[in-house]
PDB file of N, CA and C in Angstrom:
ATOM      1  N   MET A   1       0.831  -1.202  -0.030  1.00  0.00           N
ATOM      2  CA  MET A   1       0.054   0.008   0.026  1.00  0.00           C
ATOM      3  C   MET A   1       0.853   1.251   0.002  1.00  0.00           C
ATOM      4  N   SER A   2       0.426   2.232  -0.758  1.00  0.00           N
ATOM      5  CA  SER A   2       1.255   3.451  -0.819  1.00  0.00           C
ATOM      6  C   SER A   2       0.893   4.495   0.250  1.00  0.00           C
ATOM      7  N   GLY A   3      -0.293   4.449   0.854  1.00  0.00           N
ATOM      8  CA  GLY A   3      -0.673   5.442   1.863  1.00  0.00           C
ATOM      9  C   GLY A   3      -1.348   6.637   1.226  1.00  0.00           C
ATOM     10  N   TYR A   4      -1.678   6.590  -0.018  1.00  0.00           N
ATOM     11  CA  TYR A   4      -2.302   7.700  -0.750  1.00  0.00           C
ATOM     12  C   TYR A   4      -3.673   7.318  -1.249  1.00  0.00           C
ATOM     13  N   LEU A   5      -4.528   8.326  -1.473  1.00  0.00           N
ATOM     14  CA  LEU A   5      -5.856   8.141  -1.952  1.00  0.00           C
ATOM     15  C   LEU A   5      -6.180   8.999  -3.132  1.00  0.00           C
ATOM     16  N   GLN A   6      -7.106   8.554  -3.932  1.00  0.00           N
ATOM     17  CA  GLN A   6      -7.766   9.434  -4.929  1.00  0.00           C
ATOM     18  C   GLN A   6      -9.189   9.575  -4.402  1.00  0.00           C
ATOM     19  N   VAL A   7      -9.601  10.796  -4.121  1.00  0.00           N
ATOM     20  CA  VAL A   7     -10.907  11.097  -3.656  1.00  0.00           C
ATOM     21  C   VAL A   7     -11.700  11.695  -4.774  1.00  0.00           C
ATOM     22  N   VAL A   8     -12.924  11.257  -4.913  1.00  0.00           N
ATOM     23  CA  VAL A   8     -13.797  11.747  -6.037  1.00  0.00           C
ATOM     24  C   VAL A   8     -15.001  12.458  -5.473  1.00  0.00           C
ATOM     25  N   THR A   9     -15.281  13.622  -6.086  1.00  0.00           N
ATOM     26  CA  THR A   9     -16.467  14.337  -5.752  1.00  0.00           C
ATOM     27  C   THR A   9     -16.990  14.920  -7.061  1.00  0.00           C
ATOM     28  N   THR A  10     -18.266  15.256  -7.169  1.00  0.00           N
ATOM     29  CA  THR A  10     -18.816  15.946  -8.269  1.00  0.00           C
ATOM     30  C   THR A  10     -19.545  17.204  -7.835  1.00  0.00           C
ATOM     31  N   THR A  11     -19.566  18.182  -8.705  1.00  0.00           N
ATOM     32  CA  THR A  11     -20.237  19.508  -8.424  1.00  0.00           C
ATOM     33  C   THR A  11     -21.158  19.827  -9.573  1.00  0.00           C
ATOM     34  N   SER A  12     -21.981  20.773  -9.276  1.00  0.00           N
ATOM     35  CA  SER A  12     -23.018  21.208 -10.255  1.00  0.00           C
ATOM     36  C   SER A  12     -22.505  22.245 -11.291  1.00  0.00           C
ATOM     37  N   SER A  13     -21.332  22.813 -10.964  1.00  0.00           N
ATOM     38  CA  SER A  13     -20.756  23.786 -11.870  1.00  0.00           C
ATOM     39  C   SER A  13     -19.240  23.743 -11.894  1.00  0.00           C
ATOM     40  N   ARG A  14     -18.739  24.212 -12.997  1.00  0.00           N
ATOM     41  CA  ARG A  14     -17.257  24.280 -13.202  1.00  0.00           C
ATOM     42  C   ARG A  14     -16.698  25.232 -12.092  1.00  0.00           C
ATOM     43  N   GLN A  15     -17.393  26.319 -11.878  1.00  0.00           N
ATOM     44  CA  GLN A  15     -16.926  27.300 -10.823  1.00  0.00           C
ATOM     45  C   GLN A  15     -16.823  26.724  -9.464  1.00  0.00           C
ATOM     46  N   GLU A  16     -17.779  25.860  -9.066  1.00  0.00           N
ATOM     47  CA  GLU A  16     -17.785  25.241  -7.779  1.00  0.00           C
ATOM     48  C   GLU A  16     -16.611  24.223  -7.707  1.00  0.00           C
ATOM     49  N   ALA A  17     -16.390  23.468  -8.796  1.00  0.00           N
ATOM     50  CA  ALA A  17     -15.294  22.565  -8.869  1.00  0.00           C
ATOM     51  C   ALA A  17     -13.925  23.255  -8.703  1.00  0.00           C
ATOM     52  N   LEU A  18     -13.794  24.412  -9.386  1.00  0.00           N
ATOM     53  CA  LEU A  18     -12.570  25.233  -9.280  1.00  0.00           C
ATOM     54  C   LEU A  18     -12.381  25.758  -7.824  1.00  0.00           C
ATOM     55  N   LYS A  19     -13.446  26.185  -7.216  1.00  0.00           N
ATOM     56  CA  LYS A  19     -13.386  26.740  -5.840  1.00  0.00           C
ATOM     57  C   LYS A  19     -12.896  25.645  -4.876  1.00  0.00           C
ATOM     58  N   ILE A  20     -13.487  24.501  -4.956  1.00  0.00           N
ATOM     59  CA  ILE A  20     -13.126  23.378  -4.098  1.00  0.00           C
ATOM     60  C   ILE A  20     -11.670  22.965  -4.354  1.00  0.00           C
ATOM     61  N   SER A  21     -11.331  22.804  -5.598  1.00  0.00           N
ATOM     62  CA  SER A  21      -9.970  22.343  -5.960  1.00  0.00           C
ATOM     63  C   SER A  21      -8.895  23.348  -5.471  1.00  0.00           C
ATOM     64  N   GLN A  22      -9.171  24.594  -5.628  1.00  0.00           N
ATOM     65  CA  GLN A  22      -8.218  25.617  -5.284  1.00  0.00           C
ATOM     66  C   GLN A  22      -8.097  25.586  -3.711  1.00  0.00           C
ATOM     67  N   ALA A  23      -9.149  25.494  -2.981  1.00  0.00           N
ATOM     68  CA  ALA A  23      -9.091  25.521  -1.477  1.00  0.00           C
ATOM     69  C   ALA A  23      -8.317  24.258  -1.010  1.00  0.00           C
ATOM     70  N   LEU A  24      -8.532  23.105  -1.640  1.00  0.00           N
ATOM     71  CA  LEU A  24      -7.910  21.858  -1.173  1.00  0.00           C
ATOM     72  C   LEU A  24      -6.357  21.970  -1.453  1.00  0.00           C
ATOM     73  N   VAL A  25      -5.992  22.454  -2.607  1.00  0.00           N
ATOM     74  CA  VAL A  25      -4.554  22.541  -2.903  1.00  0.00           C
ATOM     75  C   VAL A  25      -3.886  23.601  -2.056  1.00  0.00           C
ATOM     76  N   GLU A  26      -4.537  24.794  -1.939  1.00  0.00           N
ATOM     77  CA  GLU A  26      -3.989  25.870  -1.158  1.00  0.00           C
ATOM     78  C   GLU A  26      -3.742  25.466   0.284  1.00  0.00           C
ATOM     79  N   SER A  27      -4.636  24.672   0.819  1.00  0.00           N
ATOM     80  CA  SER A  27      -4.535  24.247   2.262  1.00  0.00           C
ATOM     81  C   SER A  27      -3.661  22.981   2.378  1.00  0.00           C
ATOM     82  N   ARG A  28      -3.097  22.509   1.254  1.00  0.00           N
ATOM     83  CA  ARG A  28      -2.222  21.352   1.236  1.00  0.00           C
ATOM     84  C   ARG A  28      -2.937  20.086   1.729  1.00  0.00           C
ATOM     85  N   LEU A  29      -4.278  20.024   1.579  1.00  0.00           N
ATOM     86  CA  LEU A  29      -4.971  18.789   1.826  1.00  0.00           C
ATOM     87  C   LEU A  29      -4.989  17.892   0.567  1.00  0.00           C
ATOM     88  N   ALA A  30      -4.720  18.525  -0.563  1.00  0.00           N
ATOM     89  CA  ALA A  30      -4.522  17.763  -1.831  1.00  0.00           C
ATOM     90  C   ALA A  30      -3.319  18.299  -2.517  1.00  0.00           C
ATOM     91  N   GLY A  31      -2.645  17.365  -3.199  1.00  0.00           N
ATOM     92  CA  GLY A  31      -1.456  17.790  -3.979  1.00  0.00           C
ATOM     93  C   GLY A  31      -1.904  18.186  -5.395  1.00  0.00           C
ATOM     94  N   CYS A  32      -3.016  17.635  -5.845  1.00  0.00           N
ATOM     95  CA  CYS A  32      -3.442  17.868  -7.217  1.00  0.00           C
ATOM     96  C   CYS A  32      -4.937  17.542  -7.234  1.00  0.00           C
ATOM     97  N   VAL A  33      -5.679  18.364  -8.011  1.00  0.00           N
ATOM     98  CA  VAL A  33      -7.105  18.050  -8.278  1.00  0.00           C
ATOM     99  C   VAL A  33      -7.299  18.238  -9.778  1.00  0.00           C
ATOM    100  N   GLN A  34      -7.752  17.204 -10.361  1.00  0.00           N
ATOM    101  CA  GLN A  34      -8.079  17.228 -11.808  1.00  0.00           C
ATOM    102  C   GLN A  34      -9.597  17.338 -11.994  1.00  0.00           C
ATOM    103  N   ILE A  35     -10.015  18.229 -12.824  1.00  0.00           N
ATOM    104  CA  ILE A  35     -11.457  18.524 -13.044  1.00  0.00           C
ATOM    105  C   ILE A  35     -11.841  18.005 -14.467  1.00  0.00           C
ATOM    106  N   THR A  36     -12.871  17.178 -14.507  1.00  0.00           N
ATOM    107  CA  THR A  36     -13.290  16.672 -15.801  1.00  0.00           C
ATOM    108  C   THR A  36     -14.742  17.055 -15.930  1.00  0.00           C
ATOM    109  N   GLY A  37     -15.218  17.245 -17.187  1.00  0.00           N
ATOM    110  CA  GLY A  37     -16.614  17.549 -17.400  1.00  0.00           C
ATOM    111  C   GLY A  37     -16.771  18.528 -18.487  1.00  0.00           C
ATOM    112  N   PRO A  38     -17.957  18.867 -18.832  1.00  0.00           N
ATOM    113  CA  PRO A  38     -19.146  18.359 -18.114  1.00  0.00           C
ATOM    114  C   PRO A  38     -19.387  16.864 -18.443  1.00  0.00           C
ATOM    115  N   LEU A  39     -20.052  16.206 -17.461  1.00  0.00           N
ATOM    116  CA  LEU A  39     -20.526  14.843 -17.666  1.00  0.00           C
ATOM    117  C   LEU A  39     -21.985  14.784 -17.265  1.00  0.00           C
ATOM    118  N   LEU A  40     -22.638  13.754 -17.750  1.00  0.00           N
ATOM    119  CA  LEU A  40     -24.079  13.630 -17.409  1.00  0.00           C
ATOM    120  C   LEU A  40     -24.206  12.550 -16.389  1.00  0.00           C
ATOM    121  N   SER A  41     -24.911  12.894 -15.208  1.00  0.00           N
ATOM    122  CA  SER A  41     -25.111  11.931 -14.157  1.00  0.00           C
ATOM    123  C   SER A  41     -26.656  11.582 -14.090  1.00  0.00           C
ATOM    124  N   THR A  42     -26.904  10.334 -13.867  1.00  0.00           N
ATOM    125  CA  THR A  42     -28.321   9.851 -13.689  1.00  0.00           C
ATOM    126  C   THR A  42     -28.341   9.215 -12.287  1.00  0.00           C
ATOM    127  N   TYR A  43     -29.304   9.646 -11.499  1.00  0.00           N
ATOM    128  CA  TYR A  43     -29.410   9.246 -10.066  1.00  0.00           C
ATOM    129  C   TYR A  43     -30.848   9.393  -9.595  1.00  0.00           C
ATOM    130  N   ARG A  44     -31.125   8.775  -8.470  1.00  0.00           N
ATOM    131  CA  ARG A  44     -32.412   8.944  -7.820  1.00  0.00           C
ATOM    132  C   ARG A  44     -32.186   9.850  -6.608  1.00  0.00           C
ATOM    133  N   TRP A  45     -32.962  10.882  -6.479  1.00  0.00           N
ATOM    134  CA  TRP A  45     -32.829  11.866  -5.274  1.00  0.00           C
ATOM    135  C   TRP A  45     -34.209  12.075  -4.728  1.00  0.00           C
ATOM    136  N   LYS A  46     -34.376  11.693  -3.532  1.00  0.00           N
ATOM    137  CA  LYS A  46     -35.654  11.862  -2.762  1.00  0.00           C
ATOM    138  C   LYS A  46     -36.835  11.250  -3.501  1.00  0.00           C
ATOM    139  N   GLY A  47     -36.525  10.045  -4.105  1.00  0.00           N
ATOM    140  CA  GLY A  47     -37.577   9.306  -4.779  1.00  0.00           C
ATOM    141  C   GLY A  47     -37.812   9.641  -6.173  1.00  0.00           C
ATOM    142  N   VAL A  48     -37.076  10.621  -6.742  1.00  0.00           N
ATOM    143  CA  VAL A  48     -37.287  11.102  -8.181  1.00  0.00           C
ATOM    144  C   VAL A  48     -36.042  10.816  -8.961  1.00  0.00           C
ATOM    145  N   LEU A  49     -36.266  10.246 -10.129  1.00  0.00           N
ATOM    146  CA  LEU A  49     -35.212  10.017 -11.091  1.00  0.00           C
ATOM    147  C   LEU A  49     -34.700  11.340 -11.657  1.00  0.00           C
ATOM    148  N   GLU A  50     -33.425  11.626 -11.533  1.00  0.00           N
ATOM    149  CA  GLU A  50     -32.888  12.911 -11.943  1.00  0.00           C
ATOM    150  C   GLU A  50     -31.766  12.654 -12.942  1.00  0.00           C
ATOM    151  N   GLN A  51     -31.521  13.640 -13.746  1.00  0.00           N
ATOM    152  CA  GLN A  51     -30.315  13.756 -14.594  1.00  0.00           C
ATOM    153  C   GLN A  51     -29.815  15.127 -14.488  1.00  0.00           C
ATOM    154  N   GLY A  52     -28.456  15.200 -14.518  1.00  0.00           N
ATOM    155  CA  GLY A  52     -27.883  16.543 -14.364  1.00  0.00           C
ATOM    156  C   GLY A  52     -26.465  16.592 -14.905  1.00  0.00           C
ATOM    157  N   GLN A  53     -26.092  17.748 -15.313  1.00  0.00           N
ATOM    158  CA  GLN A  53     -24.738  18.007 -15.790  1.00  0.00           C
ATOM    159  C   GLN A  53     -23.845  18.244 -14.560  1.00  0.00           C
ATOM    160  N   GLU A  54     -22.691  17.573 -14.486  1.00  0.00           N
ATOM    161  CA  GLU A  54     -21.804  17.788 -13.295  1.00  0.00           C
ATOM    162  C   GLU A  54     -20.370  17.818 -13.824  1.00  0.00           C
ATOM    163  N   TRP A  55     -19.479  18.262 -12.879  1.00  0.00           N
ATOM    164  CA  TRP A  55     -18.049  18.282 -13.096  1.00  0.00           C
ATOM    165  C   TRP A  55     -17.476  17.421 -12.034  1.00  0.00           C
ATOM    166  N   GLN A  56     -16.540  16.564 -12.396  1.00  0.00           N
ATOM    167  CA  GLN A  56     -15.959  15.603 -11.456  1.00  0.00           C
ATOM    168  C   GLN A  56     -14.533  16.049 -11.023  1.00  0.00           C
ATOM    169  N   CYS A  57     -14.296  16.043  -9.793  1.00  0.00           N
ATOM    170  CA  CYS A  57     -12.974  16.354  -9.201  1.00  0.00           C
ATOM    171  C   CYS A  57     -12.245  15.056  -8.771  1.00  0.00           C
ATOM    172  N   LEU A  58     -11.063  14.828  -9.266  1.00  0.00           N
ATOM    173  CA  LEU A  58     -10.241  13.704  -8.885  1.00  0.00           C
ATOM    174  C   LEU A  58      -9.101  14.254  -8.018  1.00  0.00           C
ATOM    175  N   ILE A  59      -9.187  13.992  -6.714  1.00  0.00           N
ATOM    176  CA  ILE A  59      -8.356  14.600  -5.701  1.00  0.00           C
ATOM    177  C   ILE A  59      -7.266  13.671  -5.224  1.00  0.00           C
ATOM    178  N   LYS A  60      -5.996  14.086  -5.274  1.00  0.00           N
ATOM    179  CA  LYS A  60      -4.913  13.197  -4.795  1.00  0.00           C
ATOM    180  C   LYS A  60      -4.512  13.644  -3.405  1.00  0.00           C
ATOM    181  N   THR A  61      -4.517  12.686  -2.394  1.00  0.00           N
ATOM    182  CA  THR A  61      -4.206  13.021  -1.053  1.00  0.00           C
ATOM    183  C   THR A  61      -3.578  11.854  -0.326  1.00  0.00           C
ATOM    184  N   ARG A  62      -3.398  11.985   0.996  1.00  0.00           N
ATOM    185  CA  ARG A  62      -2.830  10.912   1.798  1.00  0.00           C
ATOM    186  C   ARG A  62      -3.979  10.449   2.736  1.00  0.00           C
ATOM    187  N   PHE A  63      -3.907   9.180   3.158  1.00  0.00           N
ATOM    188  CA  PHE A  63      -4.918   8.580   4.045  1.00  0.00           C
ATOM    189  C   PHE A  63      -5.163   9.439   5.253  1.00  0.00           C
ATOM    190  N   ASP A  64      -4.161   9.935   5.941  1.00  0.00           N
ATOM    191  CA  ASP A  64      -4.364  10.648   7.157  1.00  0.00           C
ATOM    192  C   ASP A  64      -4.951  12.048   6.975  1.00  0.00           C
ATOM    193  N   LEU A  65      -5.007  12.519   5.742  1.00  0.00           N
ATOM    194  CA  LEU A  65      -5.638  13.849   5.454  1.00  0.00           C
ATOM    195  C   LEU A  65      -7.133  13.660   5.034  1.00  0.00           C
ATOM    196  N   TYR A  66      -7.569  12.436   4.922  1.00  0.00           N
ATOM    197  CA  TYR A  66      -8.927  12.264   4.451  1.00  0.00           C
ATOM    198  C   TYR A  66     -10.034  12.977   5.277  1.00  0.00           C
ATOM    199  N   GLY A  67      -9.923  12.911   6.621  1.00  0.00           N
ATOM    200  CA  GLY A  67     -10.897  13.523   7.467  1.00  0.00           C
ATOM    201  C   GLY A  67     -10.977  15.005   7.275  1.00  0.00           C
ATOM    202  N   PRO A  68      -9.868  15.764   7.429  1.00  0.00           N
ATOM    203  CA  PRO A  68      -9.928  17.203   7.136  1.00  0.00           C
ATOM    204  C   PRO A  68     -10.347  17.578   5.706  1.00  0.00           C
ATOM    205  N   LEU A  69      -9.970  16.693   4.726  1.00  0.00           N
ATOM    206  CA  LEU A  69     -10.282  16.937   3.317  1.00  0.00           C
ATOM    207  C   LEU A  69     -11.863  16.798   3.185  1.00  0.00           C
ATOM    208  N   GLU A  70     -12.376  15.747   3.702  1.00  0.00           N
ATOM    209  CA  GLU A  70     -13.831  15.603   3.621  1.00  0.00           C
ATOM    210  C   GLU A  70     -14.604  16.728   4.270  1.00  0.00           C
ATOM    211  N   ARG A  71     -14.106  17.190   5.401  1.00  0.00           N
ATOM    212  CA  ARG A  71     -14.821  18.320   6.087  1.00  0.00           C
ATOM    213  C   ARG A  71     -14.729  19.573   5.254  1.00  0.00           C
ATOM    214  N   GLU A  72     -13.604  19.826   4.522  1.00  0.00           N
ATOM    215  CA  GLU A  72     -13.443  20.981   3.678  1.00  0.00           C
ATOM    216  C   GLU A  72     -14.371  20.890   2.498  1.00  0.00           C
ATOM    217  N   ILE A  73     -14.456  19.765   1.864  1.00  0.00           N
ATOM    218  CA  ILE A  73     -15.340  19.568   0.746  1.00  0.00           C
ATOM    219  C   ILE A  73     -16.802  19.828   1.165  1.00  0.00           C
ATOM    220  N   ARG A  74     -17.200  19.292   2.294  1.00  0.00           N
ATOM    221  CA  ARG A  74     -18.616  19.526   2.785  1.00  0.00           C
ATOM    222  C   ARG A  74     -18.865  20.989   3.096  1.00  0.00           C
ATOM    223  N   ARG A  75     -17.829  21.668   3.667  1.00  0.00           N
ATOM    224  CA  ARG A  75     -17.938  23.078   3.951  1.00  0.00           C
ATOM    225  C   ARG A  75     -18.216  23.940   2.697  1.00  0.00           C
ATOM    226  N   LEU A  76     -17.517  23.598   1.645  1.00  0.00           N
ATOM    227  CA  LEU A  76     -17.574  24.399   0.412  1.00  0.00           C
ATOM    228  C   LEU A  76     -18.621  23.920  -0.567  1.00  0.00           C
ATOM    229  N   HIS A  77     -19.136  22.737  -0.397  1.00  0.00           N
ATOM    230  CA  HIS A  77     -20.070  22.122  -1.441  1.00  0.00           C
ATOM    231  C   HIS A  77     -21.459  22.583  -1.307  1.00  0.00           C
ATOM    232  N   SER A  78     -22.139  22.723  -2.420  1.00  0.00           N
ATOM    233  CA  SER A  78     -23.526  23.215  -2.468  1.00  0.00           C
ATOM    234  C   SER A  78     -24.516  22.045  -2.295  1.00  0.00           C
ATOM    235  N   TYR A  79     -24.116  20.826  -2.528  1.00  0.00           N
ATOM    236  CA  TYR A  79     -25.061  19.701  -2.462  1.00  0.00           C
ATOM    237  C   TYR A  79     -25.335  19.351  -0.995  1.00  0.00           C
ATOM    238  N   GLU A  80     -26.603  18.996  -0.698  1.00  0.00           N
ATOM    239  CA  GLU A  80     -26.989  18.508   0.616  1.00  0.00           C
ATOM    240  C   GLU A  80     -26.221  17.239   0.960  1.00  0.00           C
ATOM    241  N   THR A  81     -26.060  16.352   0.043  1.00  0.00           N
ATOM    242  CA  THR A  81     -25.307  15.120   0.230  1.00  0.00           C
ATOM    243  C   THR A  81     -24.325  14.908  -0.903  1.00  0.00           C
ATOM    244  N   PRO A  82     -23.141  15.542  -0.810  1.00  0.00           N
ATOM    245  CA  PRO A  82     -22.210  15.466  -1.968  1.00  0.00           C
ATOM    246  C   PRO A  82     -21.585  14.042  -1.995  1.00  0.00           C
ATOM    247  N   GLU A  83     -21.318  13.613  -3.250  1.00  0.00           N
ATOM    248  CA  GLU A  83     -20.544  12.435  -3.421  1.00  0.00           C
ATOM    249  C   GLU A  83     -19.089  12.672  -2.963  1.00  0.00           C
ATOM    250  N   ILE A  84     -18.611  11.877  -2.010  1.00  0.00           N
ATOM    251  CA  ILE A  84     -17.237  11.923  -1.557  1.00  0.00           C
ATOM    252  C   ILE A  84     -16.790  10.469  -1.404  1.00  0.00           C
ATOM    253  N   ILE A  85     -16.036   9.961  -2.316  1.00  0.00           N
ATOM    254  CA  ILE A  85     -15.655   8.551  -2.345  1.00  0.00           C
ATOM    255  C   ILE A  85     -14.116   8.525  -2.439  1.00  0.00           C
ATOM    256  N   ALA A  86     -13.462   7.698  -1.555  1.00  0.00           N
ATOM    257  CA  ALA A  86     -12.047   7.531  -1.529  1.00  0.00           C
ATOM    258  C   ALA A  86     -11.602   6.221  -2.033  1.00  0.00           C
ATOM    259  N   LEU A  87     -10.664   6.178  -2.994  1.00  0.00           N
ATOM    260  CA  LEU A  87     -10.113   4.973  -3.544  1.00  0.00           C
ATOM    261  C   LEU A  87      -8.639   4.902  -3.192  1.00  0.00           C
ATOM    262  N   PRO A  88      -8.210   3.766  -2.696  1.00  0.00           N
ATOM    263  CA  PRO A  88      -6.733   3.683  -2.424  1.00  0.00           C
ATOM    264  C   PRO A  88      -5.907   3.706  -3.697  1.00  0.00           C
ATOM    265  N   ILE A  89      -4.813   4.395  -3.641  1.00  0.00           N
ATOM    266  CA  ILE A  89      -3.792   4.300  -4.702  1.00  0.00           C
ATOM    267  C   ILE A  89      -2.868   3.175  -4.304  1.00  0.00           C
ATOM    268  N   VAL A  90      -2.974   2.071  -4.937  1.00  0.00           N
ATOM    269  CA  VAL A  90      -2.335   0.800  -4.565  1.00  0.00           C
ATOM    270  C   VAL A  90      -0.790   0.971  -4.848  1.00  0.00           C
ATOM    271  N   THR A  91      -0.480   1.550  -5.952  1.00  0.00           N
ATOM    272  CA  THR A  91       0.920   1.802  -6.334  1.00  0.00           C
ATOM    273  C   THR A  91       0.984   2.945  -7.346  1.00  0.00           C
ATOM    274  N   GLY A  92       2.138   3.391  -7.637  1.00  0.00           N
ATOM    275  CA  GLY A  92       2.295   4.461  -8.576  1.00  0.00           C
ATOM    276  C   GLY A  92       3.767   4.774  -8.840  1.00  0.00           C
ATOM    277  N   SER A  93       3.958   5.679  -9.748  1.00  0.00           N
ATOM    278  CA  SER A  93       5.309   6.091 -10.083  1.00  0.00           C
ATOM    279  C   SER A  93       5.978   6.654  -8.844  1.00  0.00           C
ATOM    280  N   ALA A  94       7.154   6.176  -8.508  1.00  0.00           N
ATOM    281  CA  ALA A  94       7.876   6.672  -7.312  1.00  0.00           C
ATOM    282  C   ALA A  94       8.130   8.148  -7.370  1.00  0.00           C
ATOM    283  N   ASP A  95       8.397   8.685  -8.548  1.00  0.00           N
ATOM    284  CA  ASP A  95       8.711  10.079  -8.744  1.00  0.00           C
ATOM    285  C   ASP A  95       7.432  10.893  -8.474  1.00  0.00           C
ATOM    286  N   TYR A  96       6.281  10.420  -8.982  1.00  0.00           N
ATOM    287  CA  TYR A  96       5.017  11.121  -8.758  1.00  0.00           C
ATOM    288  C   TYR A  96       4.626  11.092  -7.330  1.00  0.00           C
ATOM    289  N   LEU A  97       4.698   9.975  -6.703  1.00  0.00           N
ATOM    290  CA  LEU A  97       4.325   9.832  -5.257  1.00  0.00           C
ATOM    291  C   LEU A  97       5.200  10.675  -4.411  1.00  0.00           C
ATOM    292  N   LYS A  98       6.538  10.808  -4.729  1.00  0.00           N
ATOM    293  CA  LYS A  98       7.487  11.657  -4.001  1.00  0.00           C
ATOM    294  C   LYS A  98       6.985  13.169  -4.149  1.00  0.00           C
ATOM    295  N   TRP A  99       6.647  13.458  -5.371  1.00  0.00           N
ATOM    296  CA  TRP A  99       6.216  14.893  -5.662  1.00  0.00           C
ATOM    297  C   TRP A  99       4.889  15.147  -4.811  1.00  0.00           C
ATOM    298  N   LEU A 100       3.994  14.188  -4.865  1.00  0.00           N
ATOM    299  CA  LEU A 100       2.697  14.319  -4.164  1.00  0.00           C
ATOM    300  C   LEU A 100       2.970  14.536  -2.659  1.00  0.00           C
ATOM    301  N   GLU A 101       3.791  13.769  -2.083  1.00  0.00           N
ATOM    302  CA  GLU A 101       4.110  13.865  -0.681  1.00  0.00           C
ATOM    303  C   GLU A 101       4.630  15.254  -0.349  1.00  0.00           C
ATOM    304  N   GLY A 102       5.490  15.839  -1.193  1.00  0.00           N
ATOM    305  CA  GLY A 102       6.044  17.132  -0.986  1.00  0.00           C
ATOM    306  C   GLY A 102       5.002  18.234  -1.065  1.00  0.00           C
ATOM    307  N   GLU A 103       3.898  17.977  -1.719  1.00  0.00           N
ATOM    308  CA  GLU A 103       2.865  19.020  -1.876  1.00  0.00           C
ATOM    309  C   GLU A 103       1.800  18.952  -0.753  1.00  0.00           C
ATOM    310  N   LEU A 104       1.817  17.930   0.043  1.00  0.00           N
ATOM    311  CA  LEU A 104       0.813  17.750   1.059  1.00  0.00           C
ATOM    312  C   LEU A 104       1.291  18.215   2.426  1.00  0.00           C
ATOM    313  N   ARG A 105       0.417  18.511   3.354  1.00  0.00           N
ATOM    314  CA  ARG A 105       0.775  18.899   4.706  1.00  0.00           C
ATOM    315  C   ARG A 105       1.635  17.843   5.288  1.00  0.00           C
ATOM    316  N   ALA A 106       2.650  18.284   6.076  1.00  0.00           N
ATOM    317  CA  ALA A 106       3.454  17.355   6.829  1.00  0.00           C
ATOM    318  C   ALA A 106       2.615  16.621   7.772  1.00  0.00           C
ATOM    319  N   LYS A 107       2.950  15.363   8.076  1.00  0.00           N
ATOM    320  CA  LYS A 107       2.058  14.548   8.948  1.00  0.00           C
ATOM    321  C   LYS A 107       1.847  15.206  10.285  1.00  0.00           C
ATOM    322  N   GLU A 108       2.888  15.854  10.850  1.00  0.00           N
ATOM    323  CA  GLU A 108       2.702  16.525  12.139  1.00  0.00           C
ATOM    324  C   GLU A 108       1.748  17.657  12.100  1.00  0.00           C
ATOM    325  N   GLU A 109       1.503  18.227  10.883  1.00  0.00           N
ATOM    326  CA  GLU A 109       0.548  19.382  10.784  1.00  0.00           C
ATOM    327  C   GLU A 109      -0.924  18.910  10.703  1.00  0.00           C
ATOM    328  N   SER A 110      -1.094  17.648  10.496  1.00  0.00           N
ATOM    329  CA  SER A 110      -2.504  17.137  10.340  1.00  0.00           C
ATOM    330  C   SER A 110      -3.250  17.266  11.647  1.00  0.00           C
ATOM    331  N   PRO A 111      -4.420  17.891  11.625  1.00  0.00           N
ATOM    332  CA  PRO A 111      -5.240  18.067  12.858  1.00  0.00           C
ATOM    333  C   PRO A 111      -5.593  16.714  13.483  1.00  0.00           C
ATOM    334  N   GLU A 112      -5.668  15.651  12.676  1.00  0.00           N
ATOM    335  CA  GLU A 112      -6.051  14.313  13.154  1.00  0.00           C
ATOM    336  C   GLU A 112      -5.000  13.731  14.066  1.00  0.00           C
ATOM    337  N   GLU A 113      -3.741  14.233  13.976  1.00  0.00           N
ATOM    338  CA  GLU A 113      -2.646  13.652  14.765  1.00  0.00           C
ATOM    339  C   GLU A 113      -2.267  14.530  15.954  1.00  0.00           C
ATOM    340  N   LYS A 114      -2.950  15.701  16.136  1.00  0.00           N
ATOM    341  CA  LYS A 114      -2.601  16.577  17.239  1.00  0.00           C
ATOM    342  C   LYS A 114      -3.397  16.253  18.455  1.00  0.00           C
TER     343      LYS A 114
END
C-alpha cells in the first residue's frame, strides 16, 4: 500500500469545482485536483429519477488527510449530500508519489494527529 488516496467528488458547476480544488490545494489537503466535465449523471434523489450535468474532481491526497479533506469539501459544497468517495492508490510512479508527498501537509501538521 502506498498510503495515498484518490478522492472523487462531483459538483453542479465548473466554478464550484474550481473553488473546491483551489481550496484543497492551497490548504495542502490535496497535492493535485483534476477536473473533468461536463458529464451527465443519472441518479435517484428523494424518490425522483434525476439527470444533471456535473463536473468531477479527482483529488490526490494521503490517508491521514482524508478527514480534514472531507470536512473542507462539505464546507464548500452546495449539495446537501455530496458524493465523496475515496479509492486507495495501490501503487504508482515513485517520482510522482514523492512529488505528491512534497505538496501535502506534513504529517505532524495534520489536525487528526494533534
